[in-house]
C-alpha cells in the first residue's frame, strides 16, 4: 500500500467522523487554531479529513499540534482516510463525488524528467527518484526531501512514519516488514572540517563553524574545524537556541546496540545536551547524553530507554572550561558503558539505581534553568505597558485584557517553579524522600508477590511501605501536574495569534525557551525509573497500587517468618531489586526524531561518530586517538560473530 510522498503519511488513519466544522482562515498562510477535539484527531499522523468536503484534508502543524491548514486534493483525487492520502475516487475507501467538491484549484500534473540521450539532460541522480513530476532526494531508508529545498533549513527533511520504509523504486513511503531492508550496520563520522555542514548531512539552527578544532589523540594534533553552539547560549546556556540535527538517523531503529563518541569543549555553566534522539528539550528521547557544568565541575549523564527499563550512568568530573575532552557511550544488549578521556570505562548492566545525590543535582539544574527563564520573561512582561483600547461590548477579544492574563499567568508559573525547586531540594519530604520510600516499597512488593515469600512479616512490610510511598507519590504527582499545567499555559500563549502580535520579540523568544525548559523538567521526572523495571517509575508506580491492595486483601494468613534477622538478610540479598522473571527486552525504544546535538550547549563539539552497532573498546579508543573509524561495519560484524563463538566454546575446554 503506497503513501503519497509529499504528505509524508502513514498507511492507516483513524476514522474521521463527527469532526468540528473547519473555520475559514483569515489568511491562507496562517491557518486556523485547532480546537481540543481537532488536536486529538491530528494524532498520531498529523492529518485528518475535512468534514465539510471530501476533496480536502487538514494538515496539522507545530507539534504538539496547535494550527491547522486546509489543503486540497488535486487533479480530481479525493481524501482517503485509510490511505491517509489523496487517491483517485474509484480506489478510495469512502464514497466521494468530485463534482460536488468546492474550490479545488485546477491542476495539471508535472512531468518527471525524461532522459534525453542527445543532450544528456533529464537524468536523475543516484539518490533521486520522481513522482508526479516532483524530484525527491533520498537521505536514507526512511528520510527524504524535495529537490530544490535546502536540507540545512529546519523541517525540509521529511521522514516516513515509524515502521514504514521509503521505496526509491516507487518514490514513496510504503508499508511492509518493519525496516526489513535496512543495512545490518551503519556508522557515520561527522568531522565538521567543512563550514558547509550540510555536505556531511548535518542541518543546523544557530550553530556555526569554528576553525578551532579538537586537539585530539596522543599527539594532540588539531583538527581542521569544529561546530560551535556557544554564541547563542546567552546566560550559560539558559536562553540559548543553537543546535544541529543528524537527519540521517531520524526514525532509525537501533535495536540492542548503539555507539556514540565526540570531542566536547565547555565554555560556560549550565545544562548542555551532547546528543539525544527526542523532540525539543529531549522530550521522549530514548538515548541521550548531557552535561551539567556548575562551580567549576562538570557532571556527565547518559542513558538508554529500552523496552524493559532505563539504564543510566551519572559521573562527576573535574573538567574545566575551554578544554577539549572526549566522551563516548556504548550500549549492547542491556550493558551500558560511559567513556571519559583515557580513563577506564564505567560499566552498568541492569544498573543499580542512580544515587539520590546525582539525581537531585540533575533535577535541580533543570529546575534552576526553568526558573531563570521564567523570571526573565516575567520581569520583561511586568515592564510591558500596553494601552487598553476603548472597551467594545460586542468584541470577542480585548487585547489589553489578554496581555494582563499573560502577566498573571507568568506570575503563577514563576511561583510554581520556585515551589518545585524547594521540593527537589527538600530531603525530608521532597524528591529524595520519594525515591527512598519507592525503594522500600518496590522491595516489599516484589517479595510479597512471590507466593513462597508471603507471610505475616512480608505482608506487614508491604502495608507499611505502601502507605509511605502513596503519600510521597501524591506530593511528587502534584509537582509534575503543576509543571504540565504551566507547560499548557505557555503553549496557549504561544498559540494565541492576537497575543503574539502585541508581545515584544524577546518575550516571544523567551516563551519558546521556557516551553522547552518545562518540557525538559517534566521529562526528568518522568524518566526517573528504577533500573530494569518501569513499573515503579512515575508513569507506572500508580498502576501497582491496586495490585498491592488486592494481594494484601486476598492474603489468607500463610506462614510466619522464623528466620529472625538472618532470614531477613537472606531475603534482602535476593529480593532487593527483583526484576522480571522473564529475560529483559533490551531493545532501544524507537524514536521518530533525528539525533539532535548541542542543544543549549555553551561550547563546541568535534569528530562525532554515531553507529547503530556496538564497537569494541579498542575501536572506540582508536576513534579517540586517530579520529578515524578503524574498521568497516561488515568486518566488525564478522569479528563479533567470531568472538561470540569463541566465548561459547571456552567453558567446554
Foldseek 3Di string as FASTA:
>chain_A
DFADAVLLFAQAADDDPPDDAADDDPDQPQAAFDDPVRLVRCPPTQKDAHPVAQQWIWGFDDPNTTGIHIGGNADCWGQARNRRHTDHQVPHPDHHDSVPGPDHDHDDFADQFDQDPVVRPRDDDPQWADDSRWIWGHLFFFKIATPPDDLLDPPRIHGHPAQWTQDRVNRGIDHDGRPPPPDPKDKAKQFLLDQPSVVRQKHKDQKGKDQFAFLFAPVRDGGRIFIAQAVQLPPQLLQGFIWMFNFSFFSPFLWQKKKKKWKWAAAGFAKKWFKFQADFLNFPTQWGWIWGDDPQKIKIKIWGQFPQAIDMDIGIDNDGHPHIWMWMWIGGRQKIWIDTHPDDIDIAGLHFADDLVRLLVVLLRLLVSLLVLLVVLLVVLVPDDDDWDDDDPVDPDTLVVVSVVVNVLSVLVNVLSVVLNVQSPDCPQHDVQLVVLLLQLQLLVQQCVDVVNNAPVSLVSNVVSLVSNVVSLVVVVVSLVVLVVSLVVLVVCLSDPSNVVRDDPVSNSSSVSSNSSSSNSSSSQQRSAGRRHNCSGSVHVVVCSVVSVVSSVPDPHDHHDDPPPVVVVVSCVVRSPDHDPDDGRSGGDTHSGTMMRTGSGNTIMGTMMIMSRGDDPVQVVCCRNPSDRPDDPVVVVVVVVVVVVVVVCVVVD
